[in-house]
Amino acid sequence: MLEASQGRETYELMLHTDQGSQYTSYIYQEMAKKKGIVTSMSRRANCFDNAVIESFHSSLKSEEFSPLNQGKLTNHTVRQKVEAYVYYYNYVRPFEKLNCQSPIEFRAMAA
């Protein structure tokens, strides 16, 4: 959370997660509170509460990591791959439900 929030306004930002131990820990919750982040969690064992991010994670795993067939990846490599995929997902990847446009293209048209 520290790196993701650097250089960004986080006051009253809503962060939705599952109920994993890392998100429910006192340290994590206190850090979020200090940054003004409002935390929200899915109901236990109910992935449908946050279907959008669950879908994104599924795409990330299947499109970026499954085809690798490599040994262990370093944290640095994983971070690079995730950052590159987030850019691709938002700026390049066409979505059928967005009239075959990327989310950024679609948002620009809607504005």
N, C-alpha and C. Protein backbone atom coordinates (compact mmCIF):
# COMPACT_ATOMS: atom_id res chain seq x y z
N MET A 1 0.83 -1.18 0.00
CA MET A 1 0.00 0.00 0.00
C MET A 1 0.88 1.25 0.00
N LEU A 2 2.00 1.20 0.69
CA LEU A 2 2.85 2.39 0.75
C LEU A 2 3.30 2.84 -0.63
N GLU A 3 3.82 1.92 -1.43
CA GLU A 3 4.30 2.28 -2.76
C GLU A 3 3.16 2.71 -3.67
N ALA A 4 2.04 2.03 -3.60
CA ALA A 4 0.91 2.35 -4.46
C ALA A 4 0.33 3.73 -4.15
N SER A 5 0.48 4.19 -2.91
CA SER A 5 -0.11 5.46 -2.53
C SER A 5 0.85 6.64 -2.67
N GLN A 6 2.11 6.38 -2.96
CA GLN A 6 3.08 7.47 -3.09
C GLN A 6 2.71 8.39 -4.25
N GLY A 7 2.68 9.70 -3.97
CA GLY A 7 2.40 10.68 -5.00
C GLY A 7 0.94 10.73 -5.42
N ARG A 8 0.07 10.10 -4.65
CA ARG A 8 -1.36 10.08 -4.99
C ARG A 8 -2.16 10.61 -3.82
N GLU A 9 -3.27 11.22 -4.14
CA GLU A 9 -4.22 11.65 -3.10
C GLU A 9 -5.04 10.44 -2.69
N THR A 10 -4.97 10.07 -1.42
CA THR A 10 -5.67 8.86 -0.97
C THR A 10 -6.79 9.16 0.01
N TYR A 11 -6.98 10.41 0.38
CA TYR A 11 -8.02 10.75 1.34
C TYR A 11 -9.39 10.33 0.80
N GLU A 12 -10.11 9.55 1.58
CA GLU A 12 -11.44 9.02 1.26
C GLU A 12 -11.45 8.08 0.05
N LEU A 13 -10.29 7.60 -0.36
CA LEU A 13 -10.22 6.58 -1.40
C LEU A 13 -10.78 5.29 -0.82
N MET A 14 -11.57 4.55 -1.59
CA MET A 14 -12.10 3.28 -1.11
C MET A 14 -11.27 2.14 -1.68
N LEU A 15 -10.81 1.27 -0.82
CA LEU A 15 -10.01 0.12 -1.20
C LEU A 15 -10.79 -1.14 -0.85
N HIS A 16 -11.21 -1.88 -1.87
CA HIS A 16 -11.99 -3.09 -1.65
C HIS A 16 -11.09 -4.31 -1.78
N THR A 17 -11.12 -5.18 -0.80
CA THR A 17 -10.30 -6.39 -0.80
C THR A 17 -11.14 -7.57 -0.31
N ASP A 18 -10.50 -8.74 -0.35
CA ASP A 18 -11.12 -9.89 0.31
C ASP A 18 -10.73 -9.83 1.79
N GLN A 19 -11.03 -10.88 2.52
CA GLN A 19 -10.75 -10.89 3.95
C GLN A 19 -9.45 -11.61 4.28
N GLY A 20 -8.48 -11.51 3.37
CA GLY A 20 -7.18 -12.13 3.61
C GLY A 20 -6.51 -11.54 4.85
N SER A 21 -5.67 -12.34 5.48
CA SER A 21 -5.03 -11.92 6.74
C SER A 21 -4.19 -10.66 6.57
N GLN A 22 -3.61 -10.46 5.37
CA GLN A 22 -2.81 -9.26 5.17
C GLN A 22 -3.67 -8.00 5.20
N TYR A 23 -4.92 -8.10 4.76
CA TYR A 23 -5.81 -6.93 4.71
C TYR A 23 -6.53 -6.69 6.04
N THR A 24 -6.72 -7.73 6.83
CA THR A 24 -7.41 -7.58 8.11
C THR A 24 -6.44 -7.31 9.26
N SER A 25 -5.14 -7.35 8.99
CA SER A 25 -4.17 -7.13 10.06
C SER A 25 -4.29 -5.72 10.62
N TYR A 26 -3.97 -5.58 11.89
CA TYR A 26 -4.02 -4.26 12.54
C TYR A 26 -3.07 -3.28 11.87
N ILE A 27 -1.89 -3.74 11.49
CA ILE A 27 -0.89 -2.86 10.87
C ILE A 27 -1.43 -2.31 9.55
N TYR A 28 -2.00 -3.17 8.71
CA TYR A 28 -2.54 -2.75 7.41
C TYR A 28 -3.69 -1.77 7.60
N GLN A 29 -4.60 -2.10 8.50
CA GLN A 29 -5.76 -1.24 8.74
C GLN A 29 -5.33 0.12 9.30
N GLU A 30 -4.34 0.13 10.18
CA GLU A 30 -3.85 1.39 10.75
C GLU A 30 -3.18 2.24 9.68
N MET A 31 -2.40 1.61 8.80
CA MET A 31 -1.75 2.32 7.71
C MET A 31 -2.79 2.95 6.78
N ALA A 32 -3.83 2.20 6.47
CA ALA A 32 -4.90 2.72 5.61
C ALA A 32 -5.58 3.91 6.29
N LYS A 33 -5.84 3.78 7.56
CA LYS A 33 -6.50 4.86 8.30
C LYS A 33 -5.65 6.12 8.30
N LYS A 34 -4.34 5.98 8.50
CA LYS A 34 -3.43 7.14 8.50
C LYS A 34 -3.42 7.84 7.15
N LYS A 35 -3.62 7.09 6.08
CA LYS A 35 -3.63 7.67 4.73
C LYS A 35 -5.02 8.12 4.30
N GLY A 36 -6.01 7.97 5.19
CA GLY A 36 -7.37 8.40 4.87
C GLY A 36 -8.11 7.44 3.96
N ILE A 37 -7.60 6.21 3.83
CA ILE A 37 -8.21 5.22 2.94
C ILE A 37 -9.33 4.49 3.69
N VAL A 38 -10.47 4.40 3.04
CA VAL A 38 -11.61 3.67 3.59
C VAL A 38 -11.51 2.24 3.07
N THR A 39 -11.46 1.27 3.97
CA THR A 39 -11.35 -0.12 3.54
C THR A 39 -12.73 -0.77 3.50
N SER A 40 -12.89 -1.65 2.53
CA SER A 40 -14.12 -2.39 2.33
C SER A 40 -13.73 -3.82 2.01
N MET A 41 -14.46 -4.78 2.53
CA MET A 41 -14.11 -6.18 2.29
C MET A 41 -15.30 -6.98 1.82
N SER A 42 -15.01 -7.94 0.97
CA SER A 42 -16.03 -8.89 0.51
C SER A 42 -16.51 -9.73 1.68
N ARG A 43 -17.70 -10.24 1.55
CA ARG A 43 -18.15 -11.21 2.54
C ARG A 43 -17.29 -12.46 2.42
N ARG A 44 -17.12 -13.14 3.50
CA ARG A 44 -16.30 -14.34 3.53
C ARG A 44 -16.75 -15.34 2.47
N ALA A 45 -15.79 -15.80 1.66
CA ALA A 45 -16.01 -16.82 0.62
C ALA A 45 -17.02 -16.40 -0.44
N ASN A 46 -17.07 -15.10 -0.75
CA ASN A 46 -18.02 -14.63 -1.76
C ASN A 46 -17.29 -13.74 -2.76
N CYS A 47 -16.72 -14.34 -3.79
CA CYS A 47 -15.96 -13.60 -4.79
C CYS A 47 -16.84 -12.66 -5.62
N PHE A 48 -18.16 -12.87 -5.59
CA PHE A 48 -19.05 -12.04 -6.40
C PHE A 48 -19.19 -10.62 -5.84
N ASP A 49 -18.79 -10.40 -4.59
CA ASP A 49 -18.83 -9.05 -4.02
C ASP A 49 -17.89 -8.12 -4.77
N ASN A 50 -16.88 -8.65 -5.37
CA ASN A 50 -15.91 -7.81 -6.06
C ASN A 50 -15.55 -8.45 -7.40
N ALA A 51 -16.55 -8.70 -8.20
CA ALA A 51 -16.38 -9.42 -9.46
C ALA A 51 -15.44 -8.71 -10.42
N VAL A 52 -15.42 -7.39 -10.43
CA VAL A 52 -14.58 -6.65 -11.37
C VAL A 52 -13.10 -6.94 -11.12
N ILE A 53 -12.65 -6.84 -9.88
CA ILE A 53 -11.23 -7.08 -9.60
C ILE A 53 -10.91 -8.57 -9.71
N GLU A 54 -11.86 -9.42 -9.37
CA GLU A 54 -11.63 -10.86 -9.54
C GLU A 54 -11.42 -11.17 -11.02
N SER A 55 -12.19 -10.54 -11.89
CA SER A 55 -12.03 -10.73 -13.33
C SER A 55 -10.67 -10.22 -13.80
N PHE A 56 -10.27 -9.05 -13.29
CA PHE A 56 -8.96 -8.50 -13.65
C PHE A 56 -7.85 -9.45 -13.23
N HIS A 57 -7.91 -9.95 -12.01
CA HIS A 57 -6.87 -10.87 -11.53
C HIS A 57 -6.82 -12.14 -12.38
N SER A 58 -7.97 -12.63 -12.79
CA SER A 58 -8.02 -13.80 -13.65
C SER A 58 -7.33 -13.51 -14.99
N SER A 59 -7.62 -12.35 -15.58
CA SER A 59 -6.98 -11.96 -16.85
C SER A 59 -5.48 -11.81 -16.68
N LEU A 60 -5.08 -11.15 -15.62
CA LEU A 60 -3.65 -10.96 -15.34
C LEU A 60 -2.93 -12.30 -15.25
N LYS A 61 -3.49 -13.21 -14.50
CA LYS A 61 -2.85 -14.52 -14.32
C LYS A 61 -2.80 -15.31 -15.62
N SER A 62 -3.91 -15.34 -16.35
CA SER A 62 -3.94 -16.17 -17.56
C SER A 62 -3.17 -15.55 -18.72
N GLU A 63 -3.20 -14.22 -18.83
CA GLU A 63 -2.55 -13.57 -19.97
C GLU A 63 -1.08 -13.22 -19.74
N GLU A 64 -0.71 -12.98 -18.51
CA GLU A 64 0.65 -12.52 -18.25
C GLU A 64 1.53 -13.57 -17.60
N PHE A 65 0.98 -14.41 -16.73
CA PHE A 65 1.84 -15.30 -15.97
C PHE A 65 1.74 -16.77 -16.35
N SER A 66 0.60 -17.27 -16.72
CA SER A 66 0.50 -18.70 -17.04
C SER A 66 1.38 -19.14 -18.20
N PRO A 67 1.49 -18.36 -19.28
CA PRO A 67 2.30 -18.82 -20.42
C PRO A 67 3.81 -18.84 -20.16
N LEU A 68 4.25 -18.34 -19.04
CA LEU A 68 5.70 -18.20 -18.83
C LEU A 68 6.45 -19.52 -18.74
N ASN A 69 5.91 -20.48 -18.02
CA ASN A 69 6.58 -21.77 -17.83
C ASN A 69 8.04 -21.59 -17.41
N GLN A 70 8.27 -20.69 -16.53
CA GLN A 70 9.63 -20.43 -16.04
C GLN A 70 9.72 -20.90 -14.60
N GLY A 71 10.94 -20.84 -14.09
CA GLY A 71 11.15 -21.13 -12.68
C GLY A 71 10.62 -19.99 -11.86
N LYS A 72 11.24 -19.77 -10.72
CA LYS A 72 10.80 -18.71 -9.83
C LYS A 72 11.07 -17.34 -10.45
N LEU A 73 10.15 -16.42 -10.25
CA LEU A 73 10.31 -15.05 -10.72
C LEU A 73 10.71 -14.17 -9.54
N THR A 74 11.57 -13.23 -9.78
CA THR A 74 11.95 -12.30 -8.71
C THR A 74 10.83 -11.30 -8.47
N ASN A 75 10.83 -10.68 -7.31
CA ASN A 75 9.84 -9.64 -7.02
C ASN A 75 9.93 -8.52 -8.03
N HIS A 76 11.13 -8.17 -8.43
CA HIS A 76 11.35 -7.11 -9.41
C HIS A 76 10.69 -7.46 -10.75
N THR A 77 10.88 -8.69 -11.19
CA THR A 77 10.29 -9.13 -12.47
C THR A 77 8.77 -9.15 -12.38
N VAL A 78 8.23 -9.64 -11.28
CA VAL A 78 6.77 -9.68 -11.11
C VAL A 78 6.22 -8.26 -11.13
N ARG A 79 6.87 -7.35 -10.42
CA ARG A 79 6.42 -5.96 -10.38
C ARG A 79 6.42 -5.35 -11.78
N GLN A 80 7.49 -5.59 -12.54
CA GLN A 80 7.57 -5.06 -13.91
C GLN A 80 6.44 -5.62 -14.77
N LYS A 81 6.21 -6.91 -14.66
CA LYS A 81 5.16 -7.56 -15.46
C LYS A 81 3.78 -7.03 -15.09
N VAL A 82 3.52 -6.84 -13.80
CA VAL A 82 2.22 -6.33 -13.38
C VAL A 82 2.03 -4.89 -13.86
N GLU A 83 3.04 -4.06 -13.72
CA GLU A 83 2.94 -2.67 -14.18
C GLU A 83 2.72 -2.61 -15.69
N ALA A 84 3.44 -3.42 -16.44
CA ALA A 84 3.27 -3.45 -17.90
C ALA A 84 1.87 -3.94 -18.26
N TYR A 85 1.37 -4.95 -17.54
CA TYR A 85 0.04 -5.48 -17.83
C TYR A 85 -1.05 -4.47 -17.50
N VAL A 86 -0.92 -3.76 -16.39
CA VAL A 86 -1.92 -2.75 -16.03
C VAL A 86 -1.99 -1.68 -17.12
N TYR A 87 -0.84 -1.27 -17.63
CA TYR A 87 -0.82 -0.30 -18.73
C TYR A 87 -1.53 -0.90 -19.96
N TYR A 88 -1.15 -2.10 -20.32
CA TYR A 88 -1.76 -2.79 -21.47
C TYR A 88 -3.27 -2.91 -21.29
N TYR A 89 -3.69 -3.34 -20.11
CA TYR A 89 -5.11 -3.57 -19.81
C TYR A 89 -5.92 -2.28 -19.96
N ASN A 90 -5.37 -1.17 -19.49
CA ASN A 90 -6.10 0.10 -19.51
C ASN A 90 -6.00 0.87 -20.82
N TYR A 91 -4.85 0.78 -21.49
CA TYR A 91 -4.60 1.63 -22.66
C TYR A 91 -4.65 0.91 -24.01
N VAL A 92 -4.44 -0.41 -24.02
CA VAL A 92 -4.30 -1.13 -25.28
C VAL A 92 -5.35 -2.22 -25.48
N ARG A 93 -5.55 -3.04 -24.50
CA ARG A 93 -6.40 -4.23 -24.62
C ARG A 93 -7.85 -3.86 -24.96
N PRO A 94 -8.35 -4.36 -26.09
CA PRO A 94 -9.74 -4.05 -26.45
C PRO A 94 -10.72 -4.92 -25.65
N PHE A 95 -11.84 -4.34 -25.30
CA PHE A 95 -12.89 -5.04 -24.58
C PHE A 95 -14.13 -5.08 -25.45
N GLU A 96 -14.65 -6.25 -25.67
CA GLU A 96 -15.85 -6.38 -26.51
C GLU A 96 -17.00 -5.56 -25.95
N LYS A 97 -17.18 -5.61 -24.62
CA LYS A 97 -18.30 -4.89 -24.02
C LYS A 97 -18.11 -3.37 -24.04
N LEU A 98 -16.91 -2.90 -24.40
CA LEU A 98 -16.65 -1.47 -24.56
C LEU A 98 -16.52 -1.11 -26.03
N ASN A 99 -17.23 -1.84 -26.86
CA ASN A 99 -17.21 -1.59 -28.31
C ASN A 99 -15.80 -1.75 -28.89
N CYS A 100 -15.11 -2.77 -28.41
CA CYS A 100 -13.74 -3.12 -28.85
C CYS A 100 -12.74 -1.96 -28.64
N GLN A 101 -12.94 -1.24 -27.57
CA GLN A 101 -12.01 -0.17 -27.20
C GLN A 101 -11.38 -0.50 -25.86
N SER A 102 -10.26 0.15 -25.59
CA SER A 102 -9.64 0.01 -24.26
C SER A 102 -10.44 0.86 -23.28
N PRO A 103 -10.33 0.62 -21.98
CA PRO A 103 -11.05 1.45 -21.01
C PRO A 103 -10.72 2.94 -21.14
N ILE A 104 -9.47 3.29 -21.40
CA ILE A 104 -9.11 4.70 -21.53
C ILE A 104 -9.75 5.30 -22.77
N GLU A 105 -9.76 4.59 -23.87
CA GLU A 105 -10.42 5.08 -25.09
C GLU A 105 -11.91 5.27 -24.86
N PHE A 106 -12.52 4.29 -24.20
CA PHE A 106 -13.95 4.34 -23.95
C PHE A 106 -14.29 5.52 -23.04
N ARG A 107 -13.49 5.72 -21.99
CA ARG A 107 -13.72 6.82 -21.06
C ARG A 107 -13.58 8.16 -21.76
N ALA A 108 -12.60 8.27 -22.65
CA ALA A 108 -12.40 9.52 -23.39
C ALA A 108 -13.60 9.83 -24.28
N MET A 109 -14.16 8.81 -24.89
CA MET A 109 -15.34 9.00 -25.75
C MET A 109 -16.56 9.41 -24.92
N ALA A 110 -16.68 8.83 -23.74
CA ALA A 110 -17.83 9.09 -22.89
C ALA A 110 -17.78 10.46 -22.23
N ALA A 111 -16.60 11.05 -22.16
CA ALA A 111 -16.44 12.34 -21.46
C ALA A 111 -16.96 13.50 -22.28
